[in-house]
Amino acid sequence: MAPEEFRRCLYNLQWSLPDLAEVLQCDLSVVEAMSRGKANVPPLLAIWLRLLSKNTLGLVQTYTYN
């Protein structure tokens, strides 16, 4: 997944980089690196983001995990 597509998926989901880092339970620097193309987006994460961002029903919400 190219960095542009990664950022577009997050934009479509209305997720920030910190939102995704929280959902993935990873360090923000990892998500920032993927956004800049400095780290590869894992294939399963790319598939998941593509599927979520194409959700035409608008059922995706950002959840906070404690």
PDB file of N, CA and C in Angstrom:
ATOM      1  N   MET A   1       0.853  -1.170   0.000  1.00  0.00           N
ATOM      2  CA  MET A   1       0.000   0.000   0.000  1.00  0.00           C
ATOM      3  C   MET A   1       0.896   1.229   0.000  1.00  0.00           C
ATOM      4  N   ALA A   2       0.650   2.106  -0.930  1.00  0.00           N
ATOM      5  CA  ALA A   2       1.415   3.355  -1.014  1.00  0.00           C
ATOM      6  C   ALA A   2       0.998   4.299   0.117  1.00  0.00           C
ATOM      7  N   PRO A   3       1.916   5.164   0.540  1.00  0.00           N
ATOM      8  CA  PRO A   3       1.588   6.101   1.619  1.00  0.00           C
ATOM      9  C   PRO A   3       0.350   6.953   1.316  1.00  0.00           C
ATOM     10  N   GLU A   4       0.172   7.333   0.049  1.00  0.00           N
ATOM     11  CA  GLU A   4      -0.987   8.152  -0.323  1.00  0.00           C
ATOM     12  C   GLU A   4      -2.291   7.394  -0.082  1.00  0.00           C
ATOM     13  N   GLU A   5      -2.310   6.118  -0.446  1.00  0.00           N
ATOM     14  CA  GLU A   5      -3.513   5.306  -0.230  1.00  0.00           C
ATOM     15  C   GLU A   5      -3.752   5.101   1.262  1.00  0.00           C
ATOM     16  N   PHE A   6      -2.681   4.879   2.009  1.00  0.00           N
ATOM     17  CA  PHE A   6      -2.776   4.720   3.458  1.00  0.00           C
ATOM     18  C   PHE A   6      -3.439   5.952   4.076  1.00  0.00           C
ATOM     19  N   ARG A   7      -2.938   7.131   3.706  1.00  0.00           N
ATOM     20  CA  ARG A   7      -3.496   8.376   4.253  1.00  0.00           C
ATOM     21  C   ARG A   7      -4.935   8.591   3.790  1.00  0.00           C
ATOM     22  N   ARG A   8      -5.235   8.220   2.535  1.00  0.00           N
ATOM     23  CA  ARG A   8      -6.600   8.367   2.019  1.00  0.00           C
ATOM     24  C   ARG A   8      -7.567   7.464   2.785  1.00  0.00           C
ATOM     25  N   CYS A   9      -7.157   6.252   3.083  1.00  0.00           N
ATOM     26  CA  CYS A   9      -8.010   5.348   3.865  1.00  0.00           C
ATOM     27  C   CYS A   9      -8.308   5.948   5.232  1.00  0.00           C
ATOM     28  N   LEU A  10      -7.283   6.468   5.884  1.00  0.00           N
ATOM     29  CA  LEU A  10      -7.499   7.081   7.198  1.00  0.00           C
ATOM     30  C   LEU A  10      -8.412   8.293   7.083  1.00  0.00           C
ATOM     31  N   TYR A  11      -8.229   9.078   6.031  1.00  0.00           N
ATOM     32  CA  TYR A  11      -9.089  10.243   5.807  1.00  0.00           C
ATOM     33  C   TYR A  11     -10.548   9.805   5.636  1.00  0.00           C
ATOM     34  N   ASN A  12     -10.773   8.776   4.821  1.00  0.00           N
ATOM     35  CA  ASN A  12     -12.131   8.274   4.597  1.00  0.00           C
ATOM     36  C   ASN A  12     -12.765   7.753   5.879  1.00  0.00           C
ATOM     37  N   LEU A  13     -11.943   7.182   6.741  1.00  0.00           N
ATOM     38  CA  LEU A  13     -12.436   6.667   8.019  1.00  0.00           C
ATOM     39  C   LEU A  13     -12.557   7.756   9.082  1.00  0.00           C
ATOM     40  N   GLN A  14     -12.042   8.921   8.774  1.00  0.00           N
ATOM     41  CA  GLN A  14     -11.973  10.035   9.724  1.00  0.00           C
ATOM     42  C   GLN A  14     -11.155   9.638  10.954  1.00  0.00           C
ATOM     43  N   TRP A  15     -10.063   8.915  10.696  1.00  0.00           N
ATOM     44  CA  TRP A  15      -9.142   8.499  11.744  1.00  0.00           C
ATOM     45  C   TRP A  15      -7.860   9.305  11.620  1.00  0.00           C
ATOM     46  N   SER A  16      -7.323   9.695  12.744  1.00  0.00           N
ATOM     47  CA  SER A  16      -6.012  10.336  12.774  1.00  0.00           C
ATOM     48  C   SER A  16      -4.952   9.242  12.937  1.00  0.00           C
ATOM     49  N   LEU A  17      -3.704   9.634  12.789  1.00  0.00           N
ATOM     50  CA  LEU A  17      -2.622   8.671  13.036  1.00  0.00           C
ATOM     51  C   LEU A  17      -2.659   8.171  14.479  1.00  0.00           C
ATOM     52  N   PRO A  18      -2.862   9.054  15.473  1.00  0.00           N
ATOM     53  CA  PRO A  18      -2.984   8.552  16.847  1.00  0.00           C
ATOM     54  C   PRO A  18      -4.170   7.597  17.030  1.00  0.00           C
ATOM     55  N   ASP A  19      -5.276   7.844  16.318  1.00  0.00           N
ATOM     56  CA  ASP A  19      -6.422   6.925  16.400  1.00  0.00           C
ATOM     57  C   ASP A  19      -6.017   5.525  15.950  1.00  0.00           C
ATOM     58  N   LEU A  20      -5.342   5.442  14.811  1.00  0.00           N
ATOM     59  CA  LEU A  20      -4.944   4.135  14.295  1.00  0.00           C
ATOM     60  C   LEU A  20      -3.932   3.467  15.219  1.00  0.00           C
ATOM     61  N   ALA A  21      -2.992   4.233  15.733  1.00  0.00           N
ATOM     62  CA  ALA A  21      -2.008   3.667  16.663  1.00  0.00           C
ATOM     63  C   ALA A  21      -2.704   3.089  17.891  1.00  0.00           C
ATOM     64  N   GLU A  22      -3.739   3.771  18.357  1.00  0.00           N
ATOM     65  CA  GLU A  22      -4.482   3.272  19.518  1.00  0.00           C
ATOM     66  C   GLU A  22      -5.224   1.985  19.180  1.00  0.00           C
ATOM     67  N   VAL A  23      -5.879   1.951  18.029  1.00  0.00           N
ATOM     68  CA  VAL A  23      -6.608   0.749  17.617  1.00  0.00           C
ATOM     69  C   VAL A  23      -5.649  -0.430  17.462  1.00  0.00           C
ATOM     70  N   LEU A  24      -4.487  -0.170  16.877  1.00  0.00           N
ATOM     71  CA  LEU A  24      -3.500  -1.233  16.658  1.00  0.00           C
ATOM     72  C   LEU A  24      -2.682  -1.543  17.902  1.00  0.00           C
ATOM     73  N   GLN A  25      -2.811  -0.690  18.913  1.00  0.00           N
ATOM     74  CA  GLN A  25      -2.032  -0.818  20.145  1.00  0.00           C
ATOM     75  C   GLN A  25      -0.540  -0.867  19.828  1.00  0.00           C
ATOM     76  N   CYS A  26      -0.119   0.120  19.029  1.00  0.00           N
ATOM     77  CA  CYS A  26       1.294   0.224  18.688  1.00  0.00           C
ATOM     78  C   CYS A  26       1.756   1.651  18.931  1.00  0.00           C
ATOM     79  N   ASP A  27       3.041   1.856  18.857  1.00  0.00           N
ATOM     80  CA  ASP A  27       3.608   3.181  19.046  1.00  0.00           C
ATOM     81  C   ASP A  27       3.238   4.078  17.871  1.00  0.00           C
ATOM     82  N   LEU A  28       2.965   5.328  18.161  1.00  0.00           N
ATOM     83  CA  LEU A  28       2.596   6.293  17.130  1.00  0.00           C
ATOM     84  C   LEU A  28       3.671   6.395  16.053  1.00  0.00           C
ATOM     85  N   SER A  29       4.931   6.250  16.425  1.00  0.00           N
ATOM     86  CA  SER A  29       6.015   6.381  15.445  1.00  0.00           C
ATOM     87  C   SER A  29       5.919   5.322  14.343  1.00  0.00           C
ATOM     88  N   VAL A  30       5.365   4.163  14.654  1.00  0.00           N
ATOM     89  CA  VAL A  30       5.190   3.102  13.650  1.00  0.00           C
ATOM     90  C   VAL A  30       4.177   3.544  12.598  1.00  0.00           C
ATOM     91  N   VAL A  31       3.064   4.095  13.051  1.00  0.00           N
ATOM     92  CA  VAL A  31       2.013   4.555  12.140  1.00  0.00           C
ATOM     93  C   VAL A  31       2.499   5.761  11.337  1.00  0.00           C
ATOM     94  N   GLU A  32       3.240   6.644  11.979  1.00  0.00           N
ATOM     95  CA  GLU A  32       3.799   7.798  11.272  1.00  0.00           C
ATOM     96  C   GLU A  32       4.753   7.347  10.171  1.00  0.00           C
ATOM     97  N   ALA A  33       5.565   6.338  10.458  1.00  0.00           N
ATOM     98  CA  ALA A  33       6.501   5.823   9.454  1.00  0.00           C
ATOM     99  C   ALA A  33       5.754   5.224   8.263  1.00  0.00           C
ATOM    100  N   MET A  34       4.659   4.513   8.524  1.00  0.00           N
ATOM    101  CA  MET A  34       3.859   3.962   7.424  1.00  0.00           C
ATOM    102  C   MET A  34       3.239   5.086   6.598  1.00  0.00           C
ATOM    103  N   SER A  35       2.809   6.141   7.261  1.00  0.00           N
ATOM    104  CA  SER A  35       2.186   7.275   6.580  1.00  0.00           C
ATOM    105  C   SER A  35       3.165   8.005   5.667  1.00  0.00           C
ATOM    106  N   ARG A  36       4.441   8.015   6.051  1.00  0.00           N
ATOM    107  CA  ARG A  36       5.477   8.703   5.264  1.00  0.00           C
ATOM    108  C   ARG A  36       6.161   7.779   4.261  1.00  0.00           C
ATOM    109  N   GLY A  37       5.823   6.492   4.284  1.00  0.00           N
ATOM    110  CA  GLY A  37       6.463   5.548   3.378  1.00  0.00           C
ATOM    111  C   GLY A  37       7.806   5.060   3.875  1.00  0.00           C
ATOM    112  N   LYS A  38       8.116   5.326   5.129  1.00  0.00           N
ATOM    113  CA  LYS A  38       9.386   4.883   5.714  1.00  0.00           C
ATOM    114  C   LYS A  38       9.293   3.463   6.261  1.00  0.00           C
ATOM    115  N   ALA A  39       8.071   2.952   6.388  1.00  0.00           N
ATOM    116  CA  ALA A  39       7.839   1.570   6.824  1.00  0.00           C
ATOM    117  C   ALA A  39       6.730   1.004   5.954  1.00  0.00           C
ATOM    118  N   ASN A  40       6.831  -0.267   5.642  1.00  0.00           N
ATOM    119  CA  ASN A  40       5.804  -0.923   4.838  1.00  0.00           C
ATOM    120  C   ASN A  40       4.545  -1.150   5.666  1.00  0.00           C
ATOM    121  N   VAL A  41       3.403  -0.974   5.030  1.00  0.00           N
ATOM    122  CA  VAL A  41       2.129  -1.305   5.662  1.00  0.00           C
ATOM    123  C   VAL A  41       1.964  -2.819   5.539  1.00  0.00           C
ATOM    124  N   PRO A  42       1.799  -3.527   6.663  1.00  0.00           N
ATOM    125  CA  PRO A  42       1.618  -4.978   6.573  1.00  0.00           C
ATOM    126  C   PRO A  42       0.424  -5.319   5.674  1.00  0.00           C
ATOM    127  N   PRO A  43       0.544  -6.378   4.874  1.00  0.00           N
ATOM    128  CA  PRO A  43      -0.515  -6.717   3.914  1.00  0.00           C
ATOM    129  C   PRO A  43      -1.906  -6.860   4.530  1.00  0.00           C
ATOM    130  N   LEU A  44      -2.011  -7.504   5.678  1.00  0.00           N
ATOM    131  CA  LEU A  44      -3.334  -7.673   6.288  1.00  0.00           C
ATOM    132  C   LEU A  44      -3.898  -6.345   6.784  1.00  0.00           C
ATOM    133  N   LEU A  45      -3.034  -5.456   7.257  1.00  0.00           N
ATOM    134  CA  LEU A  45      -3.489  -4.125   7.661  1.00  0.00           C
ATOM    135  C   LEU A  45      -3.988  -3.358   6.446  1.00  0.00           C
ATOM    136  N   ALA A  46      -3.289  -3.462   5.332  1.00  0.00           N
ATOM    137  CA  ALA A  46      -3.707  -2.779   4.103  1.00  0.00           C
ATOM    138  C   ALA A  46      -5.082  -3.270   3.658  1.00  0.00           C
ATOM    139  N   ILE A  47      -5.286  -4.571   3.676  1.00  0.00           N
ATOM    140  CA  ILE A  47      -6.585  -5.133   3.288  1.00  0.00           C
ATOM    141  C   ILE A  47      -7.675  -4.630   4.219  1.00  0.00           C
ATOM    142  N   TRP A  48      -7.415  -4.666   5.515  1.00  0.00           N
ATOM    143  CA  TRP A  48      -8.387  -4.231   6.519  1.00  0.00           C
ATOM    144  C   TRP A  48      -8.760  -2.765   6.315  1.00  0.00           C
ATOM    145  N   LEU A  49      -7.761  -1.910   6.120  1.00  0.00           N
ATOM    146  CA  LEU A  49      -8.034  -0.485   5.922  1.00  0.00           C
ATOM    147  C   LEU A  49      -8.825  -0.242   4.641  1.00  0.00           C
ATOM    148  N   ARG A  50      -8.477  -0.949   3.582  1.00  0.00           N
ATOM    149  CA  ARG A  50      -9.217  -0.793   2.319  1.00  0.00           C
ATOM    150  C   ARG A  50     -10.684  -1.185   2.486  1.00  0.00           C
ATOM    151  N   LEU A  51     -10.913  -2.308   3.142  1.00  0.00           N
ATOM    152  CA  LEU A  51     -12.290  -2.762   3.348  1.00  0.00           C
ATOM    153  C   LEU A  51     -13.072  -1.785   4.215  1.00  0.00           C
ATOM    154  N   LEU A  52     -12.470  -1.350   5.301  1.00  0.00           N
ATOM    155  CA  LEU A  52     -13.161  -0.408   6.186  1.00  0.00           C
ATOM    156  C   LEU A  52     -13.454   0.911   5.492  1.00  0.00           C
ATOM    157  N   SER A  53     -12.509   1.408   4.726  1.00  0.00           N
ATOM    158  CA  SER A  53     -12.680   2.723   4.103  1.00  0.00           C
ATOM    159  C   SER A  53     -13.693   2.699   2.963  1.00  0.00           C
ATOM    160  N   LYS A  54     -13.999   1.516   2.437  1.00  0.00           N
ATOM    161  CA  LYS A  54     -14.987   1.399   1.366  1.00  0.00           C
ATOM    162  C   LYS A  54     -16.383   1.102   1.897  1.00  0.00           C
ATOM    163  N   ASN A  55     -16.540   1.074   3.189  1.00  0.00           N
ATOM    164  CA  ASN A  55     -17.827   0.801   3.818  1.00  0.00           C
ATOM    165  C   ASN A  55     -18.802   1.922   3.468  1.00  0.00           C
ATOM    166  N   THR A  56     -19.741   1.632   2.602  1.00  0.00           N
ATOM    167  CA  THR A  56     -20.678   2.663   2.144  1.00  0.00           C
ATOM    168  C   THR A  56     -21.820   2.893   3.117  1.00  0.00           C
ATOM    169  N   LEU A  57     -21.954   2.043   4.118  1.00  0.00           N
ATOM    170  CA  LEU A  57     -23.035   2.209   5.081  1.00  0.00           C
ATOM    171  C   LEU A  57     -22.664   3.157   6.210  1.00  0.00           C
ATOM    172  N   GLY A  58     -21.405   3.498   6.307  1.00  0.00           N
ATOM    173  CA  GLY A  58     -20.975   4.419   7.347  1.00  0.00           C
ATOM    174  C   GLY A  58     -21.044   3.830   8.740  1.00  0.00           C
ATOM    175  N   LEU A  59     -20.837   2.533   8.846  1.00  0.00           N
ATOM    176  CA  LEU A  59     -20.967   1.877  10.140  1.00  0.00           C
ATOM    177  C   LEU A  59     -19.678   1.833  10.944  1.00  0.00           C
ATOM    178  N   VAL A  60     -18.598   2.319  10.386  1.00  0.00           N
ATOM    179  CA  VAL A  60     -17.320   2.261  11.084  1.00  0.00           C
ATOM    180  C   VAL A  60     -17.246   3.392  12.093  1.00  0.00           C
ATOM    181  N   GLN A  61     -16.922   3.054  13.302  1.00  0.00           N
ATOM    182  CA  GLN A  61     -16.746   4.035  14.364  1.00  0.00           C
ATOM    183  C   GLN A  61     -15.353   3.856  14.950  1.00  0.00           C
ATOM    184  N   THR A  62     -14.839   4.918  15.531  1.00  0.00           N
ATOM    185  CA  THR A  62     -13.577   4.814  16.249  1.00  0.00           C
ATOM    186  C   THR A  62     -13.904   4.422  17.676  1.00  0.00           C
ATOM    187  N   TYR A  63     -13.321   3.345  18.131  1.00  0.00           N
ATOM    188  CA  TYR A  63     -13.559   2.875  19.480  1.00  0.00           C
ATOM    189  C   TYR A  63     -12.321   3.099  20.325  1.00  0.00           C
ATOM    190  N   THR A  64     -12.541   3.383  21.583  1.00  0.00           N
ATOM    191  CA  THR A  64     -11.443   3.517  22.528  1.00  0.00           C
ATOM    192  C   THR A  64     -11.334   2.215  23.295  1.00  0.00           C
ATOM    193  N   TYR A  65     -10.158   1.646  23.274  1.00  0.00           N
ATOM    194  CA  TYR A  65      -9.904   0.411  23.997  1.00  0.00           C
ATOM    195  C   TYR A  65      -9.136   0.745  25.258  1.00  0.00           C
ATOM    196  N   ASN A  66      -9.645   0.287  26.363  1.00  0.00           N
ATOM    197  CA  ASN A  66      -8.973   0.560  27.650  1.00  0.00           C
ATOM    198  C   ASN A  66      -8.222  -0.648  28.130  1.00  0.00           C
TER     199      ASN A  66
END
